């Protein structure tokens, strides 16, 4: 029997469910179209959730999801001022 290791990764269950759904779609046939449809329906979430998904995708090394979410975040930032981007990401300007 193969040895099984447990790795603890602190990820909120909602974010983990999102990552798992992406992975399920990525494993299916005709995935590109399904992932695109799923992304359009699923990625209309608050930016703090997108940041949590980026962090989870990076920790779990799910590169396709990482690129998808990073692209969504970049699109959300287009045309915004520095102040709007800081507010969007929850950053405080200490200057």
PDB file of N, CA and C in Angstrom:
ATOM      1  N   UNK A   1       0.844  -1.179   0.000  1.00  0.00           N
ATOM      2  CA  UNK A   1       0.000   0.000   0.000  1.00  0.00           C
ATOM      3  C   UNK A   1       0.886   1.238   0.000  1.00  0.00           C
ATOM      4  N   UNK A   2       0.492   2.225  -0.784  1.00  0.00           N
ATOM      5  CA  UNK A   2       1.237   3.482  -0.832  1.00  0.00           C
ATOM      6  C   UNK A   2       1.052   4.251   0.462  1.00  0.00           C
ATOM      7  N   UNK A   3       2.100   4.954   0.837  1.00  0.00           N
ATOM      8  CA  UNK A   3       2.038   5.790   2.028  1.00  0.00           C
ATOM      9  C   UNK A   3       1.245   7.053   1.702  1.00  0.00           C
ATOM     10  N   UNK A   4       0.366   7.430   2.606  1.00  0.00           N
ATOM     11  CA  UNK A   4      -0.457   8.619   2.432  1.00  0.00           C
ATOM     12  C   UNK A   4       0.002   9.667   3.431  1.00  0.00           C
ATOM     13  N   UNK A   5       0.202  10.879   2.945  1.00  0.00           N
ATOM     14  CA  UNK A   5       0.585  11.990   3.808  1.00  0.00           C
ATOM     15  C   UNK A   5      -0.552  12.994   3.863  1.00  0.00           C
ATOM     16  N   UNK A   6      -0.680  13.634   4.995  1.00  0.00           N
ATOM     17  CA  UNK A   6      -1.673  14.685   5.159  1.00  0.00           C
ATOM     18  C   UNK A   6      -0.954  16.015   5.202  1.00  0.00           C
ATOM     19  N   UNK A   7      -1.453  16.953   4.424  1.00  0.00           N
ATOM     20  CA  UNK A   7      -0.882  18.291   4.395  1.00  0.00           C
ATOM     21  C   UNK A   7      -1.989  19.258   4.804  1.00  0.00           C
ATOM     22  N   UNK A   8      -1.717  20.066   5.806  1.00  0.00           N
ATOM     23  CA  UNK A   8      -2.714  21.039   6.272  1.00  0.00           C
ATOM     24  C   UNK A   8      -2.544  22.339   5.490  1.00  0.00           C
ATOM     25  N   UNK A   9      -3.638  22.772   4.875  1.00  0.00           N
ATOM     26  CA  UNK A   9      -3.662  24.039   4.150  1.00  0.00           C
ATOM     27  C   UNK A   9      -4.898  24.794   4.631  1.00  0.00           C
ATOM     28  N   UNK A  10      -4.691  25.976   5.200  1.00  0.00           N
ATOM     29  CA  UNK A  10      -5.811  26.770   5.714  1.00  0.00           C
ATOM     30  C   UNK A  10      -6.511  27.496   4.572  1.00  0.00           C
ATOM     31  N   UNK A  11      -7.630  26.915   4.129  1.00  0.00           N
ATOM     32  CA  UNK A  11      -8.434  27.494   3.053  1.00  0.00           C
ATOM     33  C   UNK A  11      -9.893  27.392   3.481  1.00  0.00           C
ATOM     34  N   UNK A  12     -10.624  28.499   3.385  1.00  0.00           N
ATOM     35  CA  UNK A  12     -12.047  28.505   3.735  1.00  0.00           C
ATOM     36  C   UNK A  12     -12.784  27.504   2.849  1.00  0.00           C
ATOM     37  N   UNK A  13     -13.775  26.830   3.416  1.00  0.00           N
ATOM     38  CA  UNK A  13     -14.489  25.772   2.697  1.00  0.00           C
ATOM     39  C   UNK A  13     -15.142  26.279   1.411  1.00  0.00           C
ATOM     40  N   UNK A  14     -15.648  27.501   1.414  1.00  0.00           N
ATOM     41  CA  UNK A  14     -16.270  28.059   0.210  1.00  0.00           C
ATOM     42  C   UNK A  14     -15.243  28.212  -0.905  1.00  0.00           C
ATOM     43  N   UNK A  15     -14.059  28.665  -0.545  1.00  0.00           N
ATOM     44  CA  UNK A  15     -12.977  28.825  -1.521  1.00  0.00           C
ATOM     45  C   UNK A  15     -12.522  27.456  -2.008  1.00  0.00           C
ATOM     46  N   UNK A  16     -12.393  26.503  -1.093  1.00  0.00           N
ATOM     47  CA  UNK A  16     -11.979  25.154  -1.475  1.00  0.00           C
ATOM     48  C   UNK A  16     -12.999  24.522  -2.418  1.00  0.00           C
ATOM     49  N   UNK A  17     -14.286  24.713  -2.143  1.00  0.00           N
ATOM     50  CA  UNK A  17     -15.329  24.208  -3.051  1.00  0.00           C
ATOM     51  C   UNK A  17     -15.166  24.794  -4.455  1.00  0.00           C
ATOM     52  N   UNK A  18     -14.850  26.076  -4.528  1.00  0.00           N
ATOM     53  CA  UNK A  18     -14.635  26.756  -5.805  1.00  0.00           C
ATOM     54  C   UNK A  18     -13.461  26.116  -6.552  1.00  0.00           C
ATOM     55  N   UNK A  19     -12.358  25.873  -5.840  1.00  0.00           N
ATOM     56  CA  UNK A  19     -11.165  25.264  -6.442  1.00  0.00           C
ATOM     57  C   UNK A  19     -11.481  23.846  -6.916  1.00  0.00           C
ATOM     58  N   UNK A  20     -12.189  23.097  -6.105  1.00  0.00           N
ATOM     59  CA  UNK A  20     -12.545  21.720  -6.476  1.00  0.00           C
ATOM     60  C   UNK A  20     -13.421  21.712  -7.725  1.00  0.00           C
ATOM     61  N   UNK A  21     -14.396  22.611  -7.798  1.00  0.00           N
ATOM     62  CA  UNK A  21     -15.266  22.664  -8.982  1.00  0.00           C
ATOM     63  C   UNK A  21     -14.454  22.984 -10.232  1.00  0.00           C
ATOM     64  N   UNK A  22     -13.516  23.922 -10.116  1.00  0.00           N
ATOM     65  CA  UNK A  22     -12.650  24.236 -11.254  1.00  0.00           C
ATOM     66  C   UNK A  22     -11.885  22.978 -11.681  1.00  0.00           C
ATOM     67  N   UNK A  23     -11.310  22.264 -10.716  1.00  0.00           N
ATOM     68  CA  UNK A  23     -10.519  21.068 -11.037  1.00  0.00           C
ATOM     69  C   UNK A  23     -11.381  19.990 -11.685  1.00  0.00           C
ATOM     70  N   UNK A  24     -12.616  19.834 -11.207  1.00  0.00           N
ATOM     71  CA  UNK A  24     -13.527  18.864 -11.822  1.00  0.00           C
ATOM     72  C   UNK A  24     -13.785  19.216 -13.284  1.00  0.00           C
ATOM     73  N   UNK A  25     -14.045  20.482 -13.549  1.00  0.00           N
ATOM     74  CA  UNK A  25     -14.284  20.909 -14.930  1.00  0.00           C
ATOM     75  C   UNK A  25     -13.033  20.755 -15.785  1.00  0.00           C
ATOM     76  N   UNK A  26     -11.884  21.036 -15.210  1.00  0.00           N
ATOM     77  CA  UNK A  26     -10.632  20.953 -15.964  1.00  0.00           C
ATOM     78  C   UNK A  26     -10.306  19.516 -16.357  1.00  0.00           C
ATOM     79  N   UNK A  27     -10.862  18.538 -15.642  1.00  0.00           N
ATOM     80  CA  UNK A  27     -10.591  17.127 -15.938  1.00  0.00           C
ATOM     81  C   UNK A  27     -11.560  16.537 -16.959  1.00  0.00           C
ATOM     82  N   UNK A  28     -12.650  17.238 -17.247  1.00  0.00           N
ATOM     83  CA  UNK A  28     -13.660  16.721 -18.165  1.00  0.00           C
ATOM     84  C   UNK A  28     -13.283  16.993 -19.618  1.00  0.00           C
ATOM     85  N   UNK A  29     -13.926  16.252 -20.521  1.00  0.00           N
ATOM     86  CA  UNK A  29     -13.778  16.518 -21.947  1.00  0.00           C
ATOM     87  C   UNK A  29     -14.495  17.821 -22.278  1.00  0.00           C
ATOM     88  N   UNK A  30     -14.093  18.455 -23.361  1.00  0.00           N
ATOM     89  CA  UNK A  30     -14.701  19.720 -23.797  1.00  0.00           C
ATOM     90  C   UNK A  30     -14.648  20.766 -22.683  1.00  0.00           C
ATOM     91  N   UNK A  31     -13.505  20.789 -21.985  1.00  0.00           N
ATOM     92  CA  UNK A  31     -13.394  21.614 -20.788  1.00  0.00           C
ATOM     93  C   UNK A  31     -13.304  23.102 -21.067  1.00  0.00           C
ATOM     94  N   UNK A  32     -12.666  23.495 -22.142  1.00  0.00           N
ATOM     95  CA  UNK A  32     -12.441  24.923 -22.365  1.00  0.00           C
ATOM     96  C   UNK A  32     -13.754  25.697 -22.395  1.00  0.00           C
ATOM     97  N   UNK A  33     -14.726  25.186 -23.124  1.00  0.00           N
ATOM     98  CA  UNK A  33     -16.023  25.849 -23.215  1.00  0.00           C
ATOM     99  C   UNK A  33     -16.748  25.820 -21.871  1.00  0.00           C
ATOM    100  N   UNK A  34     -16.727  24.665 -21.197  1.00  0.00           N
ATOM    101  CA  UNK A  34     -17.403  24.547 -19.907  1.00  0.00           C
ATOM    102  C   UNK A  34     -16.776  25.458 -18.861  1.00  0.00           C
ATOM    103  N   UNK A  35     -15.458  25.531 -18.834  1.00  0.00           N
ATOM    104  CA  UNK A  35     -14.779  26.399 -17.874  1.00  0.00           C
ATOM    105  C   UNK A  35     -15.112  27.854 -18.160  1.00  0.00           C
ATOM    106  N   UNK A  36     -15.164  28.234 -19.424  1.00  0.00           N
ATOM    107  CA  UNK A  36     -15.502  29.615 -19.776  1.00  0.00           C
ATOM    108  C   UNK A  36     -16.908  29.962 -19.298  1.00  0.00           C
ATOM    109  N   UNK A  37     -17.864  29.080 -19.519  1.00  0.00           N
ATOM    110  CA  UNK A  37     -19.240  29.318 -19.072  1.00  0.00           C
ATOM    111  C   UNK A  37     -19.296  29.376 -17.547  1.00  0.00           C
ATOM    112  N   UNK A  38     -18.643  28.422 -16.890  1.00  0.00           N
ATOM    113  CA  UNK A  38     -18.613  28.394 -15.426  1.00  0.00           C
ATOM    114  C   UNK A  38     -17.966  29.659 -14.875  1.00  0.00           C
ATOM    115  N   UNK A  39     -16.881  30.097 -15.495  1.00  0.00           N
ATOM    116  CA  UNK A  39     -16.171  31.288 -15.021  1.00  0.00           C
ATOM    117  C   UNK A  39     -17.061  32.522 -15.108  1.00  0.00           C
ATOM    118  N   UNK A  40     -17.764  32.674 -16.214  1.00  0.00           N
ATOM    119  CA  UNK A  40     -18.657  33.827 -16.376  1.00  0.00           C
ATOM    120  C   UNK A  40     -19.732  33.822 -15.288  1.00  0.00           C
ATOM    121  N   UNK A  41     -20.256  32.650 -14.991  1.00  0.00           N
ATOM    122  CA  UNK A  41     -21.316  32.541 -13.990  1.00  0.00           C
ATOM    123  C   UNK A  41     -20.788  32.650 -12.560  1.00  0.00           C
ATOM    124  N   UNK A  42     -19.555  32.231 -12.315  1.00  0.00           N
ATOM    125  CA  UNK A  42     -19.041  32.091 -10.954  1.00  0.00           C
ATOM    126  C   UNK A  42     -18.134  33.209 -10.485  1.00  0.00           C
ATOM    127  N   UNK A  43     -17.539  33.958 -11.385  1.00  0.00           N
ATOM    128  CA  UNK A  43     -16.513  34.915 -10.978  1.00  0.00           C
ATOM    129  C   UNK A  43     -17.053  36.294 -10.634  1.00  0.00           C
ATOM    130  N   UNK A  44     -18.357  36.429 -10.562  1.00  0.00           N
ATOM    131  CA  UNK A  44     -18.940  37.693 -10.115  1.00  0.00           C
ATOM    132  C   UNK A  44     -19.060  37.653  -8.592  1.00  0.00           C
ATOM    133  N   UNK A  45     -17.890  37.652  -7.938  1.00  0.00           N
ATOM    134  CA  UNK A  45     -17.811  37.579  -6.478  1.00  0.00           C
ATOM    135  C   UNK A  45     -17.004  38.770  -5.980  1.00  0.00           C
ATOM    136  N   UNK A  46     -17.138  39.110  -4.703  1.00  0.00           N
ATOM    137  CA  UNK A  46     -16.351  40.234  -4.176  1.00  0.00           C
ATOM    138  C   UNK A  46     -14.849  40.022  -4.378  1.00  0.00           C
ATOM    139  N   UNK A  47     -14.132  41.130  -4.533  1.00  0.00           N
ATOM    140  CA  UNK A  47     -12.698  41.048  -4.785  1.00  0.00           C
ATOM    141  C   UNK A  47     -11.936  40.346  -3.674  1.00  0.00           C
ATOM    142  N   UNK A  48     -12.394  40.476  -2.423  1.00  0.00           N
ATOM    143  CA  UNK A  48     -11.699  39.781  -1.341  1.00  0.00           C
ATOM    144  C   UNK A  48     -11.794  38.270  -1.536  1.00  0.00           C
ATOM    145  N   UNK A  49     -12.908  37.791  -2.095  1.00  0.00           N
ATOM    146  CA  UNK A  49     -13.032  36.367  -2.388  1.00  0.00           C
ATOM    147  C   UNK A  49     -12.106  35.968  -3.532  1.00  0.00           C
ATOM    148  N   UNK A  50     -11.993  36.833  -4.547  1.00  0.00           N
ATOM    149  CA  UNK A  50     -11.067  36.544  -5.647  1.00  0.00           C
ATOM    150  C   UNK A  50      -9.639  36.448  -5.123  1.00  0.00           C
ATOM    151  N   UNK A  51      -9.279  37.330  -4.197  1.00  0.00           N
ATOM    152  CA  UNK A  51      -7.931  37.279  -3.611  1.00  0.00           C
ATOM    153  C   UNK A  51      -7.730  35.971  -2.850  1.00  0.00           C
ATOM    154  N   UNK A  52      -8.751  35.520  -2.132  1.00  0.00           N
ATOM    155  CA  UNK A  52      -8.659  34.253  -1.401  1.00  0.00           C
ATOM    156  C   UNK A  52      -8.527  33.079  -2.370  1.00  0.00           C
ATOM    157  N   UNK A  53      -9.217  33.152  -3.498  1.00  0.00           N
ATOM    158  CA  UNK A  53      -9.121  32.086  -4.502  1.00  0.00           C
ATOM    159  C   UNK A  53      -7.732  32.082  -5.133  1.00  0.00           C
ATOM    160  N   UNK A  54      -7.182  33.262  -5.403  1.00  0.00           N
ATOM    161  CA  UNK A  54      -5.813  33.342  -5.937  1.00  0.00           C
ATOM    162  C   UNK A  54      -4.839  32.705  -4.959  1.00  0.00           C
ATOM    163  N   UNK A  55      -4.985  33.027  -3.683  1.00  0.00           N
ATOM    164  CA  UNK A  55      -4.091  32.470  -2.663  1.00  0.00           C
ATOM    165  C   UNK A  55      -4.214  30.946  -2.598  1.00  0.00           C
ATOM    166  N   UNK A  56      -5.440  30.442  -2.640  1.00  0.00           N
ATOM    167  CA  UNK A  56      -5.654  28.995  -2.601  1.00  0.00           C
ATOM    168  C   UNK A  56      -5.093  28.321  -3.849  1.00  0.00           C
ATOM    169  N   UNK A  57      -5.331  28.906  -5.014  1.00  0.00           N
ATOM    170  CA  UNK A  57      -4.817  28.332  -6.261  1.00  0.00           C
ATOM    171  C   UNK A  57      -3.294  28.291  -6.252  1.00  0.00           C
ATOM    172  N   UNK A  58      -2.684  29.308  -5.673  1.00  0.00           N
ATOM    173  CA  UNK A  58      -1.219  29.341  -5.592  1.00  0.00           C
ATOM    174  C   UNK A  58      -0.724  28.279  -4.615  1.00  0.00           C
ATOM    175  N   UNK A  59      -1.350  28.175  -3.442  1.00  0.00           N
ATOM    176  CA  UNK A  59      -0.944  27.179  -2.439  1.00  0.00           C
ATOM    177  C   UNK A  59      -1.092  25.761  -2.972  1.00  0.00           C
ATOM    178  N   UNK A  60      -2.191  25.525  -3.701  1.00  0.00           N
ATOM    179  CA  UNK A  60      -2.477  24.185  -4.210  1.00  0.00           C
ATOM    180  C   UNK A  60      -1.895  23.939  -5.598  1.00  0.00           C
ATOM    181  N   UNK A  61      -1.230  24.929  -6.144  1.00  0.00           N
ATOM    182  CA  UNK A  61      -0.568  24.853  -7.448  1.00  0.00           C
ATOM    183  C   UNK A  61      -1.536  24.484  -8.574  1.00  0.00           C
ATOM    184  N   UNK A  62      -2.679  25.179  -8.599  1.00  0.00           N
ATOM    185  CA  UNK A  62      -3.674  25.007  -9.656  1.00  0.00           C
ATOM    186  C   UNK A  62      -3.476  26.174 -10.618  1.00  0.00           C
ATOM    187  N   UNK A  63      -2.521  26.005 -11.529  1.00  0.00           N
ATOM    188  CA  UNK A  63      -2.076  27.117 -12.376  1.00  0.00           C
ATOM    189  C   UNK A  63      -3.159  27.662 -13.293  1.00  0.00           C
ATOM    190  N   UNK A  64      -3.983  26.803 -13.859  1.00  0.00           N
ATOM    191  CA  UNK A  64      -5.046  27.275 -14.744  1.00  0.00           C
ATOM    192  C   UNK A  64      -6.014  28.195 -14.022  1.00  0.00           C
ATOM    193  N   UNK A  65      -6.395  27.820 -12.810  1.00  0.00           N
ATOM    194  CA  UNK A  65      -7.298  28.657 -12.018  1.00  0.00           C
ATOM    195  C   UNK A  65      -6.603  29.941 -11.597  1.00  0.00           C
ATOM    196  N   UNK A  66      -5.343  29.846 -11.244  1.00  0.00           N
ATOM    197  CA  UNK A  66      -4.574  31.033 -10.864  1.00  0.00           C
ATOM    198  C   UNK A  66      -4.566  32.047 -12.004  1.00  0.00           C
ATOM    199  N   UNK A  67      -4.317  31.594 -13.214  1.00  0.00           N
ATOM    200  CA  UNK A  67      -4.296  32.488 -14.377  1.00  0.00           C
ATOM    201  C   UNK A  67      -5.687  33.059 -14.664  1.00  0.00           C
ATOM    202  N   UNK A  68      -6.705  32.233 -14.527  1.00  0.00           N
ATOM    203  CA  UNK A  68      -8.076  32.681 -14.771  1.00  0.00           C
ATOM    204  C   UNK A  68      -8.474  33.786 -13.792  1.00  0.00           C
ATOM    205  N   UNK A  69      -8.210  33.587 -12.517  1.00  0.00           N
ATOM    206  CA  UNK A  69      -8.591  34.570 -11.498  1.00  0.00           C
ATOM    207  C   UNK A  69      -7.732  35.822 -11.611  1.00  0.00           C
ATOM    208  N   UNK A  70      -6.433  35.648 -11.857  1.00  0.00           N
ATOM    209  CA  UNK A  70      -5.555  36.814 -12.009  1.00  0.00           C
ATOM    210  C   UNK A  70      -6.015  37.674 -13.184  1.00  0.00           C
ATOM    211  N   UNK A  71      -6.417  37.037 -14.268  1.00  0.00           N
ATOM    212  CA  UNK A  71      -6.939  37.777 -15.419  1.00  0.00           C
ATOM    213  C   UNK A  71      -8.222  38.518 -15.083  1.00  0.00           C
ATOM    214  N   UNK A  72      -9.078  37.882 -14.306  1.00  0.00           N
ATOM    215  CA  UNK A  72     -10.319  38.525 -13.870  1.00  0.00           C
ATOM    216  C   UNK A  72     -10.018  39.737 -13.005  1.00  0.00           C
ATOM    217  N   UNK A  73      -9.072  39.584 -12.073  1.00  0.00           N
ATOM    218  CA  UNK A  73      -8.683  40.713 -11.214  1.00  0.00           C
ATOM    219  C   UNK A  73      -8.112  41.853 -12.063  1.00  0.00           C
ATOM    220  N   UNK A  74      -7.273  41.512 -13.028  1.00  0.00           N
ATOM    221  CA  UNK A  74      -6.684  42.541 -13.896  1.00  0.00           C
ATOM    222  C   UNK A  74      -7.775  43.273 -14.674  1.00  0.00           C
ATOM    223  N   UNK A  75      -8.745  42.531 -15.194  1.00  0.00           N
ATOM    224  CA  UNK A  75      -9.861  43.166 -15.907  1.00  0.00           C
ATOM    225  C   UNK A  75     -10.647  44.098 -14.989  1.00  0.00           C
ATOM    226  N   UNK A  76     -10.827  43.691 -13.736  1.00  0.00           N
ATOM    227  CA  UNK A  76     -11.554  44.522 -12.769  1.00  0.00           C
ATOM    228  C   UNK A  76     -10.810  45.817 -12.454  1.00  0.00           C
ATOM    229  N   UNK A  77      -9.493  45.818 -12.618  1.00  0.00           N
ATOM    230  CA  UNK A  77      -8.683  46.995 -12.292  1.00  0.00           C
ATOM    231  C   UNK A  77      -8.567  47.980 -13.452  1.00  0.00           C
ATOM    232  N   UNK A  78      -8.867  47.532 -14.653  1.00  0.00           N
ATOM    233  CA  UNK A  78      -8.723  48.401 -15.822  1.00  0.00           C
ATOM    234  C   UNK A  78      -9.558  49.664 -15.671  1.00  0.00           C
ATOM    235  N   UNK A  79      -8.915  50.797 -15.956  1.00  0.00           N
ATOM    236  CA  UNK A  79      -9.607  52.073 -15.933  1.00  0.00           C
ATOM    237  C   UNK A  79      -9.847  52.656 -14.553  1.00  0.00           C
ATOM    238  N   UNK A  80      -9.329  52.004 -13.523  1.00  0.00           N
ATOM    239  CA  UNK A  80      -9.529  52.499 -12.164  1.00  0.00           C
ATOM    240  C   UNK A  80      -8.316  53.309 -11.714  1.00  0.00           C
ATOM    241  N   UNK A  81      -8.552  54.246 -10.817  1.00  0.00           N
ATOM    242  CA  UNK A  81      -7.460  55.035 -10.246  1.00  0.00           C
ATOM    243  C   UNK A  81      -6.753  54.211  -9.170  1.00  0.00           C
ATOM    244  N   UNK A  82      -5.587  54.705  -8.740  1.00  0.00           N
ATOM    245  CA  UNK A  82      -4.857  54.026  -7.662  1.00  0.00           C
ATOM    246  C   UNK A  82      -5.723  53.909  -6.415  1.00  0.00           C
ATOM    247  N   UNK A  83      -6.439  54.972  -6.101  1.00  0.00           N
ATOM    248  CA  UNK A  83      -7.288  54.972  -4.913  1.00  0.00           C
ATOM    249  C   UNK A  83      -8.400  53.922  -5.028  1.00  0.00           C
ATOM    250  N   UNK A  84      -8.995  53.812  -6.215  1.00  0.00           N
ATOM    251  CA  UNK A  84     -10.053  52.824  -6.424  1.00  0.00           C
ATOM    252  C   UNK A  84      -9.509  51.402  -6.311  1.00  0.00           C
ATOM    253  N   UNK A  85      -8.308  51.178  -6.828  1.00  0.00           N
ATOM    254  CA  UNK A  85      -7.700  49.846  -6.743  1.00  0.00           C
ATOM    255  C   UNK A  85      -7.369  49.515  -5.295  1.00  0.00           C
ATOM    256  N   UNK A  86      -6.830  50.484  -4.552  1.00  0.00           N
ATOM    257  CA  UNK A  86      -6.543  50.255  -3.130  1.00  0.00           C
ATOM    258  C   UNK A  86      -7.825  49.880  -2.382  1.00  0.00           C
ATOM    259  N   UNK A  87      -8.892  50.625  -2.633  1.00  0.00           N
ATOM    260  CA  UNK A  87     -10.171  50.341  -1.976  1.00  0.00           C
ATOM    261  C   UNK A  87     -10.693  48.963  -2.377  1.00  0.00           C
ATOM    262  N   UNK A  88     -10.551  48.630  -3.659  1.00  0.00           N
ATOM    263  CA  UNK A  88     -11.007  47.350  -4.171  1.00  0.00           C
ATOM    264  C   UNK A  88     -10.297  46.192  -3.474  1.00  0.00           C
ATOM    265  N   UNK A  89      -9.001  46.354  -3.212  1.00  0.00           N
ATOM    266  CA  UNK A  89      -8.197  45.303  -2.597  1.00  0.00           C
ATOM    267  C   UNK A  89      -8.116  45.420  -1.079  1.00  0.00           C
ATOM    268  N   UNK A  90      -8.693  46.492  -0.534  1.00  0.00           N
ATOM    269  CA  UNK A  90      -8.672  46.673   0.910  1.00  0.00           C
ATOM    270  C   UNK A  90      -7.352  47.177   1.451  1.00  0.00           C
ATOM    271  N   UNK A  91      -6.551  47.831   0.601  1.00  0.00           N
ATOM    272  CA  UNK A  91      -5.269  48.384   1.035  1.00  0.00           C
ATOM    273  C   UNK A  91      -5.474  49.782   1.590  1.00  0.00           C
ATOM    274  N   UNK A  92      -4.701  50.108   2.611  1.00  0.00           N
ATOM    275  CA  UNK A  92      -4.734  51.442   3.194  1.00  0.00           C
ATOM    276  C   UNK A  92      -3.513  52.197   2.705  1.00  0.00           C
ATOM    277  N   UNK A  93      -3.710  53.439   2.253  1.00  0.00           N
ATOM    278  CA  UNK A  93      -2.593  54.268   1.802  1.00  0.00           C
ATOM    279  C   UNK A  93      -1.965  54.921   3.026  1.00  0.00           C
ATOM    280  N   UNK A  94      -0.758  54.499   3.370  1.00  0.00           N
ATOM    281  CA  UNK A  94      -0.061  55.025   4.546  1.00  0.00           C
ATOM    282  C   UNK A  94       0.797  56.230   4.228  1.00  0.00           C
ATOM    283  N   UNK A  95       0.777  56.700   2.993  1.00  0.00           N
ATOM    284  CA  UNK A  95       1.647  57.819   2.623  1.00  0.00           C
ATOM    285  C   UNK A  95       0.994  59.137   2.898  1.00  0.00           C
TER     286      UNK A  95
END
